[in-house]
């Protein structure tokens, strides 16, 4: 299980749909991360249930 309390800005997260997104803010609640989506560059709050793993760069 991914411990969102330890995730830092700049790390990458793989989502259930296969997308790899960059962390732009960790809200600090262990449930939500603000992620920058590839391609569009849009930022979005993503719930922990949508996240699979940290991706090493």
C-alpha atoms as a PDB file:
ATOM      1  CA  UNK A   1       0.000   0.000   0.000  1.00  0.00           C
ATOM      2  CA  UNK A   2       1.175   3.493  -0.878  1.00  0.00           C
ATOM      3  CA  UNK A   3       1.789   5.727   2.154  1.00  0.00           C
ATOM      4  CA  UNK A   4       0.669   9.138   0.900  1.00  0.00           C
ATOM      5  CA  UNK A   5       1.975  10.850   4.037  1.00  0.00           C
ATOM      6  CA  UNK A   6       5.529  10.205   2.759  1.00  0.00           C
ATOM      7  CA  UNK A   7       5.005  11.219  -0.874  1.00  0.00           C
ATOM      8  CA  UNK A   8       6.884  14.389  -1.799  1.00  0.00           C
ATOM      9  CA  UNK A   9       6.392  17.089  -4.412  1.00  0.00           C
ATOM     10  CA  UNK A  10       8.169  16.158  -7.642  1.00  0.00           C
ATOM     11  CA  UNK A  11       7.683  12.409  -7.303  1.00  0.00           C
ATOM     12  CA  UNK A  12       5.663  10.497  -9.895  1.00  0.00           C
ATOM     13  CA  UNK A  13       2.642   8.297  -9.237  1.00  0.00           C
ATOM     14  CA  UNK A  14       1.136   5.610 -11.488  1.00  0.00           C
ATOM     15  CA  UNK A  15      -2.656   5.674 -11.543  1.00  0.00           C
ATOM     16  CA  UNK A  16      -4.990   2.701 -12.057  1.00  0.00           C
ATOM     17  CA  UNK A  17      -5.563   3.742 -15.675  1.00  0.00           C
ATOM     18  CA  UNK A  18      -1.797   3.538 -16.351  1.00  0.00           C
ATOM     19  CA  UNK A  19      -1.173   7.296 -16.419  1.00  0.00           C
ATOM     20  CA  UNK A  20       1.978   8.511 -14.663  1.00  0.00           C
ATOM     21  CA  UNK A  21       1.451  11.928 -13.076  1.00  0.00           C
ATOM     22  CA  UNK A  22       3.722  14.322 -11.177  1.00  0.00           C
ATOM     23  CA  UNK A  23       2.952  15.297  -7.578  1.00  0.00           C
ATOM     24  CA  UNK A  24       2.606  19.077  -7.310  1.00  0.00           C
ATOM     25  CA  UNK A  25       1.198  19.202  -3.771  1.00  0.00           C
ATOM     26  CA  UNK A  26       0.688  16.775  -0.909  1.00  0.00           C
ATOM     27  CA  UNK A  27      -2.344  17.924   1.043  1.00  0.00           C
ATOM     28  CA  UNK A  28      -1.037  15.980   4.053  1.00  0.00           C
ATOM     29  CA  UNK A  29      -4.246  14.125   4.865  1.00  0.00           C
ATOM     30  CA  UNK A  30      -3.056  10.757   3.526  1.00  0.00           C
ATOM     31  CA  UNK A  31      -5.965  10.578   1.087  1.00  0.00           C
ATOM     32  CA  UNK A  32      -5.539  13.234  -1.633  1.00  0.00           C
ATOM     33  CA  UNK A  33      -2.640  14.408  -3.810  1.00  0.00           C
ATOM     34  CA  UNK A  34      -2.592  17.287  -6.284  1.00  0.00           C
ATOM     35  CA  UNK A  35      -1.184  15.801  -9.503  1.00  0.00           C
ATOM     36  CA  UNK A  36      -0.095  17.278 -12.842  1.00  0.00           C
ATOM     37  CA  UNK A  37      -1.401  15.125 -15.652  1.00  0.00           C
ATOM     38  CA  UNK A  38       0.862  14.462 -18.648  1.00  0.00           C
ATOM     39  CA  UNK A  39       0.032  15.917 -22.027  1.00  0.00           C
ATOM     40  CA  UNK A  40      -2.480  18.537 -20.898  1.00  0.00           C
ATOM     41  CA  UNK A  41      -0.416  19.793 -17.957  1.00  0.00           C
ATOM     42  CA  UNK A  42      -3.653  20.207 -16.017  1.00  0.00           C
ATOM     43  CA  UNK A  43      -3.593  19.759 -12.254  1.00  0.00           C
ATOM     44  CA  UNK A  44      -6.195  17.727 -10.425  1.00  0.00           C
ATOM     45  CA  UNK A  45      -6.866  16.378  -6.935  1.00  0.00           C
ATOM     46  CA  UNK A  46      -6.643  12.592  -7.058  1.00  0.00           C
ATOM     47  CA  UNK A  47      -8.000  10.210  -4.405  1.00  0.00           C
ATOM     48  CA  UNK A  48      -5.762   7.476  -2.966  1.00  0.00           C
ATOM     49  CA  UNK A  49      -7.963   4.715  -4.412  1.00  0.00           C
ATOM     50  CA  UNK A  50      -6.928   5.807  -7.921  1.00  0.00           C
ATOM     51  CA  UNK A  51      -3.186   5.479  -7.179  1.00  0.00           C
ATOM     52  CA  UNK A  52      -1.169   2.299  -7.648  1.00  0.00           C
ATOM     53  CA  UNK A  53       2.510   3.008  -6.982  1.00  0.00           C
ATOM     54  CA  UNK A  54       5.393   5.459  -6.911  1.00  0.00           C
ATOM     55  CA  UNK A  55       7.377   5.520 -10.144  1.00  0.00           C
ATOM     56  CA  UNK A  56      11.156   5.923  -9.946  1.00  0.00           C
ATOM     57  CA  UNK A  57      12.485   8.470 -12.408  1.00  0.00           C
END
